[in-house]
Amino acid sequence: MPTTLTRHATADGPRWALDDRYLPVDFTLSQWLALPGLDAQRRLASLPRGDVADAPLLAPVEDAQEVWASGVTYLSSRMAREAESQSADVYQKVYGAERPELFFKANGWRVRGHGAPIRVRDDSHWNVPEPELVLVLDAGGGIVGYTTGNDVSSRSIEGENPLYLPQAKVYEGACAIGPGIRLCAAERMRDLPISLEIVRGGASVFSGATRTSQIKRNLEELAGWLLRELPQPHGAFLFTGTGVVPGEDFTLRGGDVVRIDIDGLVLENPVQ
């Protein structure tokens, strides 16, 4: 069984659990991700386990972590971005460039967890979910695990002008991760299945799938670029790009339910 960290809304405040058993109340992700790799493993293994973690899930991130994202790492993503944009050559160039596209997505406190509502912008007419493998990085840039992410995006705003990317990607309810952090080495993430299903009125209106092996760039490469000139003393989360893109005839609506599954780690969110 995979080892998984989850965060829960208890009566005494947020509390972390490991494999469905509460960790000590003073355990924090920030302190744990600040430790070097081997020390972090030993620390986690030494912690006592408490009662069964039965409180509601929270997003498995703390206020101190930043969430970043990589763009145009799948060929299908490049093609979709070219189709929506009036500046297609921008995406052609970044797909083949040495330097990846990286952009800020959310502060930890803005992230929605499993079961929490996500949103589409009121000033956008074309909105999509983007299912993504999300790397969990320690303070040294090491990959300690992954979670499931939804990089909710306004394709109409980004397509109008690439400089509008922050408005297309960064707004209230645009970032969801969860339900937990699956702890494993990067080697275990290289060929995981990713599926997306969108349900509307009880019926599936879109489904698609890909695998992480279709990511053009090495996972360690993406992590290295993020920390190249930007220290992350409390660790960080990094979306790795999407390989499932709904067509131009689809947009999210209020009441939809978005379900993303990465090798059994399922994130589900209703759309407001």
C-alpha atoms as a PDB file:
ATOM      1  CA  MET A   1       0.000   0.000   0.000  1.00  0.00           C
ATOM      2  CA  PRO A   2       1.291   3.499  -0.826  1.00  0.00           C
ATOM      3  CA  THR A   3       2.159   5.740   2.107  1.00  0.00           C
ATOM      4  CA  THR A   4      -0.117   8.796   2.091  1.00  0.00           C
ATOM      5  CA  LEU A   5      -0.206  12.018   4.101  1.00  0.00           C
ATOM      6  CA  THR A   6      -3.606  13.656   4.554  1.00  0.00           C
ATOM      7  CA  ARG A   7      -4.736  16.817   6.326  1.00  0.00           C
ATOM      8  CA  HIS A   8      -7.973  16.972   8.287  1.00  0.00           C
ATOM      9  CA  ALA A   9     -10.313  19.598   9.744  1.00  0.00           C
ATOM     10  CA  THR A  10     -10.575  18.511  13.385  1.00  0.00           C
ATOM     11  CA  ALA A  11     -12.378  20.325  16.192  1.00  0.00           C
ATOM     12  CA  ASP A  12      -8.976  21.532  17.404  1.00  0.00           C
ATOM     13  CA  GLY A  13      -7.811  22.756  14.014  1.00  0.00           C
ATOM     14  CA  PRO A  14      -6.013  21.203  11.026  1.00  0.00           C
ATOM     15  CA  ARG A  15      -4.177  17.981  11.748  1.00  0.00           C
ATOM     16  CA  TRP A  16      -2.041  15.689   9.605  1.00  0.00           C
ATOM     17  CA  ALA A  17      -2.405  11.930   9.332  1.00  0.00           C
ATOM     18  CA  LEU A  18      -0.263   9.186   7.849  1.00  0.00           C
ATOM     19  CA  ASP A  19      -2.093   6.264   6.272  1.00  0.00           C
ATOM     20  CA  ASP A  20      -5.337   7.243   8.006  1.00  0.00           C
ATOM     21  CA  ARG A  21      -3.835   7.576  11.514  1.00  0.00           C
ATOM     22  CA  TYR A  22      -3.318  10.951  13.127  1.00  0.00           C
ATOM     23  CA  LEU A  23       0.233  12.192  13.598  1.00  0.00           C
ATOM     24  CA  PRO A  24       1.206  14.229  16.690  1.00  0.00           C
ATOM     25  CA  VAL A  25      -0.566  17.588  16.867  1.00  0.00           C
ATOM     26  CA  ASP A  26       2.708  19.503  16.468  1.00  0.00           C
ATOM     27  CA  PHE A  27       3.584  17.868  13.127  1.00  0.00           C
ATOM     28  CA  THR A  28       3.672  20.388  10.281  1.00  0.00           C
ATOM     29  CA  LEU A  29       4.385  19.883   6.612  1.00  0.00           C
ATOM     30  CA  SER A  30       6.547  23.007   6.573  1.00  0.00           C
ATOM     31  CA  GLN A  31       8.923  21.707   9.227  1.00  0.00           C
ATOM     32  CA  TRP A  32       9.032  18.258   7.648  1.00  0.00           C
ATOM     33  CA  LEU A  33       9.787  19.548   4.136  1.00  0.00           C
ATOM     34  CA  ALA A  34      12.592  21.688   5.565  1.00  0.00           C
ATOM     35  CA  LEU A  35      14.502  18.523   6.505  1.00  0.00           C
ATOM     36  CA  PRO A  36      17.007  16.839   4.146  1.00  0.00           C
ATOM     37  CA  GLY A  37      15.641  13.730   2.429  1.00  0.00           C
ATOM     38  CA  LEU A  38      17.031  10.973   4.659  1.00  0.00           C
ATOM     39  CA  ASP A  39      16.387  12.929   7.851  1.00  0.00           C
ATOM     40  CA  ALA A  40      12.791  13.539   6.728  1.00  0.00           C
ATOM     41  CA  GLN A  41      12.227   9.819   6.138  1.00  0.00           C
ATOM     42  CA  ARG A  42      13.616   8.937   9.543  1.00  0.00           C
ATOM     43  CA  ARG A  43      11.580  11.647  11.234  1.00  0.00           C
ATOM     44  CA  LEU A  44       8.325  10.436   9.703  1.00  0.00           C
ATOM     45  CA  ALA A  45       9.064   6.804  10.521  1.00  0.00           C
ATOM     46  CA  SER A  46       9.750   7.689  14.173  1.00  0.00           C
ATOM     47  CA  LEU A  47       6.477   9.507  14.788  1.00  0.00           C
ATOM     48  CA  PRO A  48       3.764   7.758  16.833  1.00  0.00           C
ATOM     49  CA  ARG A  49       0.391   7.138  15.182  1.00  0.00           C
ATOM     50  CA  GLY A  50      -2.838   8.069  16.939  1.00  0.00           C
ATOM     51  CA  ASP A  51      -6.532   7.472  16.372  1.00  0.00           C
ATOM     52  CA  VAL A  52      -8.146   6.825  13.025  1.00  0.00           C
ATOM     53  CA  ALA A  53      -8.307  10.057  11.012  1.00  0.00           C
ATOM     54  CA  ASP A  54     -12.040  10.435  10.426  1.00  0.00           C
ATOM     55  CA  ALA A  55     -12.412  14.237  10.266  1.00  0.00           C
ATOM     56  CA  PRO A  56     -13.166  15.894   6.891  1.00  0.00           C
ATOM     57  CA  LEU A  57     -10.297  16.283   4.449  1.00  0.00           C
ATOM     58  CA  LEU A  58      -8.536  19.568   3.805  1.00  0.00           C
ATOM     59  CA  ALA A  59      -6.223  20.399   0.931  1.00  0.00           C
ATOM     60  CA  PRO A  60      -2.873  18.737   1.813  1.00  0.00           C
ATOM     61  CA  VAL A  61      -0.965  22.003   1.876  1.00  0.00           C
ATOM     62  CA  GLU A  62      -0.210  24.663   4.493  1.00  0.00           C
ATOM     63  CA  ASP A  63      -0.317  28.437   4.268  1.00  0.00           C
ATOM     64  CA  ALA A  64       3.468  28.668   3.937  1.00  0.00           C
ATOM     65  CA  GLN A  65       3.768  26.616   0.747  1.00  0.00           C
ATOM     66  CA  GLU A  66       3.529  28.150  -2.697  1.00  0.00           C
ATOM     67  CA  VAL A  67       1.898  26.322  -5.583  1.00  0.00           C
ATOM     68  CA  TRP A  68       3.509  26.734  -9.007  1.00  0.00           C
ATOM     69  CA  ALA A  69       2.716  25.228 -12.382  1.00  0.00           C
ATOM     70  CA  SER A  70       4.457  24.123 -15.567  1.00  0.00           C
ATOM     71  CA  GLY A  71       2.899  24.798 -18.954  1.00  0.00           C
ATOM     72  CA  VAL A  72       3.067  23.173 -22.384  1.00  0.00           C
ATOM     73  CA  THR A  73       4.757  19.982 -21.218  1.00  0.00           C
ATOM     74  CA  TYR A  74       2.499  17.647 -23.247  1.00  0.00           C
ATOM     75  CA  LEU A  75       2.150  17.793 -27.034  1.00  0.00           C
ATOM     76  CA  SER A  76      -1.649  17.814 -26.683  1.00  0.00           C
ATOM     77  CA  SER A  77      -1.398  20.869 -24.434  1.00  0.00           C
ATOM     78  CA  ARG A  78       0.780  22.702 -26.929  1.00  0.00           C
ATOM     79  CA  MET A  79      -1.694  21.973 -29.717  1.00  0.00           C
ATOM     80  CA  ALA A  80      -4.666  23.124 -27.618  1.00  0.00           C
ATOM     81  CA  ARG A  81      -2.938  26.340 -26.600  1.00  0.00           C
ATOM     82  CA  GLU A  82      -2.029  27.041 -30.237  1.00  0.00           C
ATOM     83  CA  ALA A  83      -5.658  26.490 -31.287  1.00  0.00           C
ATOM     84  CA  GLU A  84      -7.028  28.941 -28.716  1.00  0.00           C
ATOM     85  CA  SER A  85      -4.393  31.617 -29.168  1.00  0.00           C
ATOM     86  CA  GLN A  86      -3.758  34.398 -31.627  1.00  0.00           C
ATOM     87  CA  SER A  87      -0.033  33.961 -30.859  1.00  0.00           C
ATOM     88  CA  ALA A  88       0.480  30.256 -31.615  1.00  0.00           C
ATOM     89  CA  ASP A  89       4.212  30.586 -32.198  1.00  0.00           C
ATOM     90  CA  VAL A  90       4.701  31.409 -28.500  1.00  0.00           C
ATOM     91  CA  TYR A  91       3.604  27.904 -27.513  1.00  0.00           C
ATOM     92  CA  GLN A  92       5.579  26.219 -30.289  1.00  0.00           C
ATOM     93  CA  LYS A  93       8.727  27.921 -29.054  1.00  0.00           C
ATOM     94  CA  VAL A  94       8.291  27.151 -25.354  1.00  0.00           C
ATOM     95  CA  TYR A  95       7.478  23.474 -26.011  1.00  0.00           C
ATOM     96  CA  GLY A  96      10.894  22.951 -27.597  1.00  0.00           C
ATOM     97  CA  ALA A  97      12.897  25.448 -25.539  1.00  0.00           C
ATOM     98  CA  GLU A  98      15.473  24.583 -22.895  1.00  0.00           C
ATOM     99  CA  ARG A  99      13.724  26.799 -20.333  1.00  0.00           C
ATOM    100  CA  PRO A 100      10.230  25.551 -19.335  1.00  0.00           C
ATOM    101  CA  GLU A 101       7.194  27.723 -18.801  1.00  0.00           C
ATOM    102  CA  LEU A 102       6.656  28.166 -15.052  1.00  0.00           C
ATOM    103  CA  PHE A 103       4.006  30.340 -13.465  1.00  0.00           C
ATOM    104  CA  PHE A 104       2.665  31.026 -10.000  1.00  0.00           C
ATOM    105  CA  LYS A 105      -0.682  29.331  -9.314  1.00  0.00           C
ATOM    106  CA  ALA A 106      -1.707  29.869  -5.675  1.00  0.00           C
ATOM    107  CA  ASN A 107      -0.714  30.515  -2.090  1.00  0.00           C
ATOM    108  CA  GLY A 108      -1.295  27.485   0.087  1.00  0.00           C
ATOM    109  CA  TRP A 109      -4.193  29.109   1.883  1.00  0.00           C
ATOM    110  CA  ARG A 110      -6.072  29.630  -1.407  1.00  0.00           C
ATOM    111  CA  VAL A 111      -6.008  25.965  -2.470  1.00  0.00           C
ATOM    112  CA  ARG A 112      -9.279  23.999  -2.505  1.00  0.00           C
ATOM    113  CA  GLY A 113      -9.225  20.392  -1.299  1.00  0.00           C
ATOM    114  CA  HIS A 114     -11.109  17.233  -2.224  1.00  0.00           C
ATOM    115  CA  GLY A 115     -14.856  17.874  -2.166  1.00  0.00           C
ATOM    116  CA  ALA A 116     -14.514  21.669  -1.966  1.00  0.00           C
ATOM    117  CA  PRO A 117     -16.029  23.793  -4.758  1.00  0.00           C
ATOM    118  CA  ILE A 118     -13.940  25.197  -7.592  1.00  0.00           C
ATOM    119  CA  ARG A 119     -14.957  28.185  -9.723  1.00  0.00           C
ATOM    120  CA  VAL A 120     -14.911  29.638 -13.195  1.00  0.00           C
ATOM    121  CA  ARG A 121     -14.384  33.346 -13.740  1.00  0.00           C
ATOM    122  CA  ASP A 122     -17.491  35.470 -14.230  1.00  0.00           C
ATOM    123  CA  ASP A 123     -15.770  37.366 -17.051  1.00  0.00           C
ATOM    124  CA  SER A 124     -14.776  34.284 -19.060  1.00  0.00           C
ATOM    125  CA  HIS A 125     -16.906  32.320 -21.510  1.00  0.00           C
ATOM    126  CA  TRP A 126     -14.578  29.335 -22.061  1.00  0.00           C
ATOM    127  CA  ASN A 127     -13.314  27.484 -18.982  1.00  0.00           C
ATOM    128  CA  VAL A 128     -11.801  24.050 -18.500  1.00  0.00           C
ATOM    129  CA  PRO A 129     -10.326  21.823 -15.795  1.00  0.00           C
ATOM    130  CA  GLU A 130      -6.759  20.669 -16.312  1.00  0.00           C
ATOM    131  CA  PRO A 131      -5.868  17.354 -14.614  1.00  0.00           C
ATOM    132  CA  GLU A 132      -2.235  17.265 -13.543  1.00  0.00           C
ATOM    133  CA  LEU A 133       0.353  15.360 -11.576  1.00  0.00           C
ATOM    134  CA  VAL A 134       1.520  17.726  -8.814  1.00  0.00           C
ATOM    135  CA  LEU A 135       5.017  17.251  -7.414  1.00  0.00           C
ATOM    136  CA  VAL A 136       5.636  17.842  -3.711  1.00  0.00           C
ATOM    137  CA  LEU A 137       9.098  19.321  -3.246  1.00  0.00           C
ATOM    138  CA  ASP A 138      11.205  19.674  -0.137  1.00  0.00           C
ATOM    139  CA  ALA A 139      13.221  22.798   0.641  1.00  0.00           C
ATOM    140  CA  GLY A 140      16.183  21.458  -1.313  1.00  0.00           C
ATOM    141  CA  GLY A 141      14.118  20.811  -4.418  1.00  0.00           C
ATOM    142  CA  GLY A 142      13.928  17.064  -3.891  1.00  0.00           C
ATOM    143  CA  ILE A 143      10.746  15.300  -5.016  1.00  0.00           C
ATOM    144  CA  VAL A 144       9.212  13.563  -1.993  1.00  0.00           C
ATOM    145  CA  GLY A 145       5.838  12.612  -3.425  1.00  0.00           C
ATOM    146  CA  TYR A 146       2.901  13.729  -5.502  1.00  0.00           C
ATOM    147  CA  THR A 147      -0.740  14.655  -5.303  1.00  0.00           C
ATOM    148  CA  THR A 148      -3.580  15.109  -7.772  1.00  0.00           C
ATOM    149  CA  GLY A 149      -4.255  18.607  -9.072  1.00  0.00           C
ATOM    150  CA  ASN A 150      -6.782  20.624 -11.040  1.00  0.00           C
ATOM    151  CA  ASP A 151      -5.339  23.699 -12.741  1.00  0.00           C
ATOM    152  CA  VAL A 152      -8.690  25.337 -13.527  1.00  0.00           C
ATOM    153  CA  SER A 153      -8.182  27.723 -16.440  1.00  0.00           C
ATOM    154  CA  SER A 154      -9.905  30.343 -18.569  1.00  0.00           C
ATOM    155  CA  ARG A 155      -9.016  29.484 -22.147  1.00  0.00           C
ATOM    156  CA  SER A 156     -10.818  32.519 -23.553  1.00  0.00           C
ATOM    157  CA  ILE A 157      -8.751  34.963 -21.483  1.00  0.00           C
ATOM    158  CA  GLU A 158      -5.406  33.267 -22.100  1.00  0.00           C
ATOM    159  CA  GLY A 159      -6.219  32.856 -25.792  1.00  0.00           C
ATOM    160  CA  GLU A 160      -6.879  36.563 -26.166  1.00  0.00           C
ATOM    161  CA  ASN A 161      -3.322  37.410 -25.148  1.00  0.00           C
ATOM    162  CA  PRO A 162      -0.580  35.260 -23.519  1.00  0.00           C
ATOM    163  CA  LEU A 163       0.174  38.175 -21.184  1.00  0.00           C
ATOM    164  CA  TYR A 164      -3.211  37.564 -19.594  1.00  0.00           C
ATOM    165  CA  LEU A 165      -2.014  34.176 -18.287  1.00  0.00           C
ATOM    166  CA  PRO A 166      -2.085  35.228 -14.591  1.00  0.00           C
ATOM    167  CA  GLN A 167      -5.729  36.271 -14.896  1.00  0.00           C
ATOM    168  CA  ALA A 168      -6.597  33.069 -16.739  1.00  0.00           C
ATOM    169  CA  LYS A 169      -4.889  30.884 -14.147  1.00  0.00           C
ATOM    170  CA  VAL A 170      -4.885  32.727 -10.822  1.00  0.00           C
ATOM    171  CA  TYR A 171      -8.207  33.608  -9.221  1.00  0.00           C
ATOM    172  CA  GLU A 172     -10.385  32.431  -6.351  1.00  0.00           C
ATOM    173  CA  GLY A 173     -11.276  28.750  -6.697  1.00  0.00           C
ATOM    174  CA  ALA A 174      -8.910  28.061  -9.607  1.00  0.00           C
ATOM    175  CA  CYS A 175      -6.595  25.628  -7.815  1.00  0.00           C
ATOM    176  CA  ALA A 176      -7.506  22.289  -6.225  1.00  0.00           C
ATOM    177  CA  ILE A 177      -5.235  19.526  -4.948  1.00  0.00           C
ATOM    178  CA  GLY A 178      -5.811  16.359  -2.964  1.00  0.00           C
ATOM    179  CA  PRO A 179      -7.007  14.183  -1.444  1.00  0.00           C
ATOM    180  CA  GLY A 180      -3.553  13.522   0.022  1.00  0.00           C
ATOM    181  CA  ILE A 181       0.178  13.342  -0.689  1.00  0.00           C
ATOM    182  CA  ARG A 182       1.401   9.967  -1.890  1.00  0.00           C
ATOM    183  CA  LEU A 183       4.975   9.654  -0.681  1.00  0.00           C
ATOM    184  CA  CYS A 184       7.314   8.045  -3.211  1.00  0.00           C
ATOM    185  CA  ALA A 185      10.390   8.659  -5.312  1.00  0.00           C
ATOM    186  CA  ALA A 186      10.216  10.345  -8.712  1.00  0.00           C
ATOM    187  CA  GLU A 187      10.935   7.020 -10.424  1.00  0.00           C
ATOM    188  CA  ARG A 188       7.489   5.808  -9.316  1.00  0.00           C
ATOM    189  CA  MET A 189       5.804   8.730 -11.100  1.00  0.00           C
ATOM    190  CA  ARG A 190       7.163   8.316 -14.607  1.00  0.00           C
ATOM    191  CA  ASP A 191       4.284   6.318 -16.104  1.00  0.00           C
ATOM    192  CA  LEU A 192       1.172   6.861 -13.997  1.00  0.00           C
ATOM    193  CA  PRO A 193      -2.324   6.876 -15.528  1.00  0.00           C
ATOM    194  CA  ILE A 194      -4.265  10.152 -15.366  1.00  0.00           C
ATOM    195  CA  SER A 195      -7.978  10.293 -16.115  1.00  0.00           C
ATOM    196  CA  LEU A 196     -10.501  13.113 -16.172  1.00  0.00           C
ATOM    197  CA  GLU A 197     -14.288  12.846 -16.049  1.00  0.00           C
ATOM    198  CA  ILE A 198     -16.794  15.700 -15.946  1.00  0.00           C
ATOM    199  CA  VAL A 199     -20.326  14.930 -14.810  1.00  0.00           C
ATOM    200  CA  ARG A 200     -23.285  17.213 -15.526  1.00  0.00           C
ATOM    201  CA  GLY A 201     -26.780  16.450 -14.315  1.00  0.00           C
ATOM    202  CA  GLY A 202     -25.742  12.937 -13.350  1.00  0.00           C
ATOM    203  CA  ALA A 203     -24.335  12.079 -16.792  1.00  0.00           C
ATOM    204  CA  SER A 204     -20.751  12.075 -18.032  1.00  0.00           C
ATOM    205  CA  VAL A 205     -20.228  14.904 -20.545  1.00  0.00           C
ATOM    206  CA  PHE A 206     -16.473  14.533 -21.003  1.00  0.00           C
ATOM    207  CA  SER A 207     -13.821  11.932 -20.266  1.00  0.00           C
ATOM    208  CA  GLY A 208     -10.211  11.568 -21.285  1.00  0.00           C
ATOM    209  CA  ALA A 209      -6.979   9.947 -20.192  1.00  0.00           C
ATOM    210  CA  THR A 210      -3.224  10.176 -20.572  1.00  0.00           C
ATOM    211  CA  ARG A 211      -0.092   8.971 -18.791  1.00  0.00           C
ATOM    212  CA  THR A 212       2.730  10.844 -17.104  1.00  0.00           C
ATOM    213  CA  SER A 213       5.169   9.173 -19.511  1.00  0.00           C
ATOM    214  CA  GLN A 214       3.858  11.648 -22.118  1.00  0.00           C
ATOM    215  CA  ILE A 215       5.371  14.609 -20.252  1.00  0.00           C
ATOM    216  CA  LYS A 216       8.142  15.971 -22.456  1.00  0.00           C
ATOM    217  CA  ARG A 217      10.371  17.161 -19.642  1.00  0.00           C
ATOM    218  CA  ASN A 218      12.040  15.248 -16.834  1.00  0.00           C
ATOM    219  CA  LEU A 219      10.329  15.762 -13.463  1.00  0.00           C
ATOM    220  CA  GLU A 220      13.602  16.613 -11.740  1.00  0.00           C
ATOM    221  CA  GLU A 221      14.295  19.143 -14.493  1.00  0.00           C
ATOM    222  CA  LEU A 222      11.042  20.970 -13.772  1.00  0.00           C
ATOM    223  CA  ALA A 223      11.755  21.007 -10.038  1.00  0.00           C
ATOM    224  CA  GLY A 224      15.273  22.277 -10.653  1.00  0.00           C
ATOM    225  CA  TRP A 225      14.094  25.195 -12.759  1.00  0.00           C
ATOM    226  CA  LEU A 226      11.585  26.257 -10.099  1.00  0.00           C
ATOM    227  CA  LEU A 227      14.224  26.459  -7.372  1.00  0.00           C
ATOM    228  CA  ARG A 228      17.009  27.772  -9.605  1.00  0.00           C
ATOM    229  CA  GLU A 229      16.576  31.396  -8.444  1.00  0.00           C
ATOM    230  CA  LEU A 230      13.643  31.039  -6.046  1.00  0.00           C
ATOM    231  CA  PRO A 231      14.245  29.352  -2.667  1.00  0.00           C
ATOM    232  CA  GLN A 232      11.299  27.467  -1.164  1.00  0.00           C
ATOM    233  CA  PRO A 233      12.228  27.133   2.536  1.00  0.00           C
ATOM    234  CA  HIS A 234       8.899  25.499   3.434  1.00  0.00           C
ATOM    235  CA  GLY A 235       8.751  23.231   0.379  1.00  0.00           C
ATOM    236  CA  ALA A 236       6.524  23.753  -2.636  1.00  0.00           C
ATOM    237  CA  PHE A 237       3.964  22.154  -4.933  1.00  0.00           C
ATOM    238  CA  LEU A 238       4.528  22.046  -8.696  1.00  0.00           C
ATOM    239  CA  PHE A 239       1.893  21.183 -11.312  1.00  0.00           C
ATOM    240  CA  THR A 240       3.549  19.353 -14.223  1.00  0.00           C
ATOM    241  CA  GLY A 241       1.184  20.207 -17.093  1.00  0.00           C
ATOM    242  CA  THR A 242      -1.917  18.686 -18.595  1.00  0.00           C
ATOM    243  CA  GLY A 243      -2.274  16.023 -21.262  1.00  0.00           C
ATOM    244  CA  VAL A 244      -6.087  15.937 -21.281  1.00  0.00           C
ATOM    245  CA  VAL A 245      -7.710  18.971 -22.872  1.00  0.00           C
ATOM    246  CA  PRO A 246     -11.473  19.213 -23.570  1.00  0.00           C
ATOM    247  CA  GLY A 247     -12.287  20.449 -27.065  1.00  0.00           C
ATOM    248  CA  GLU A 248     -13.267  23.925 -28.162  1.00  0.00           C
ATOM    249  CA  ASP A 249     -16.952  23.003 -27.913  1.00  0.00           C
ATOM    250  CA  PHE A 250     -16.752  22.384 -24.152  1.00  0.00           C
ATOM    251  CA  THR A 251     -16.825  24.768 -21.199  1.00  0.00           C
ATOM    252  CA  LEU A 252     -17.395  24.145 -17.499  1.00  0.00           C
ATOM    253  CA  ARG A 253     -20.724  25.145 -15.974  1.00  0.00           C
ATOM    254  CA  GLY A 254     -21.924  25.662 -12.440  1.00  0.00           C
ATOM    255  CA  GLY A 255     -23.158  22.356 -11.027  1.00  0.00           C
ATOM    256  CA  ASP A 256     -20.626  20.237 -12.932  1.00  0.00           C
ATOM    257  CA  VAL A 257     -18.521  17.768 -10.956  1.00  0.00           C
ATOM    258  CA  VAL A 258     -14.882  17.283 -11.972  1.00  0.00           C
ATOM    259  CA  ARG A 259     -13.225  13.962 -11.116  1.00  0.00           C
ATOM    260  CA  ILE A 260      -9.478  13.457 -11.614  1.00  0.00           C
ATOM    261  CA  ASP A 261      -7.829  10.111 -10.902  1.00  0.00           C
ATOM    262  CA  ILE A 262      -4.058   9.587 -10.842  1.00  0.00           C
ATOM    263  CA  ASP A 263      -3.383   5.909 -10.220  1.00  0.00           C
ATOM    264  CA  GLY A 264      -6.191   5.679  -7.637  1.00  0.00           C
ATOM    265  CA  LEU A 265      -5.558   9.049  -5.954  1.00  0.00           C
ATOM    266  CA  VAL A 266      -8.903  10.703  -6.723  1.00  0.00           C
ATOM    267  CA  LEU A 267      -9.666  14.422  -6.501  1.00  0.00           C
ATOM    268  CA  GLU A 268     -13.303  15.416  -6.957  1.00  0.00           C
ATOM    269  CA  ASN A 269     -14.725  18.944  -6.899  1.00  0.00           C
ATOM    270  CA  PRO A 270     -18.090  20.488  -7.730  1.00  0.00           C
ATOM    271  CA  VAL A 271     -18.126  23.648  -9.840  1.00  0.00           C
ATOM    272  CA  GLN A 272     -19.775  26.734  -8.369  1.00  0.00           C
END
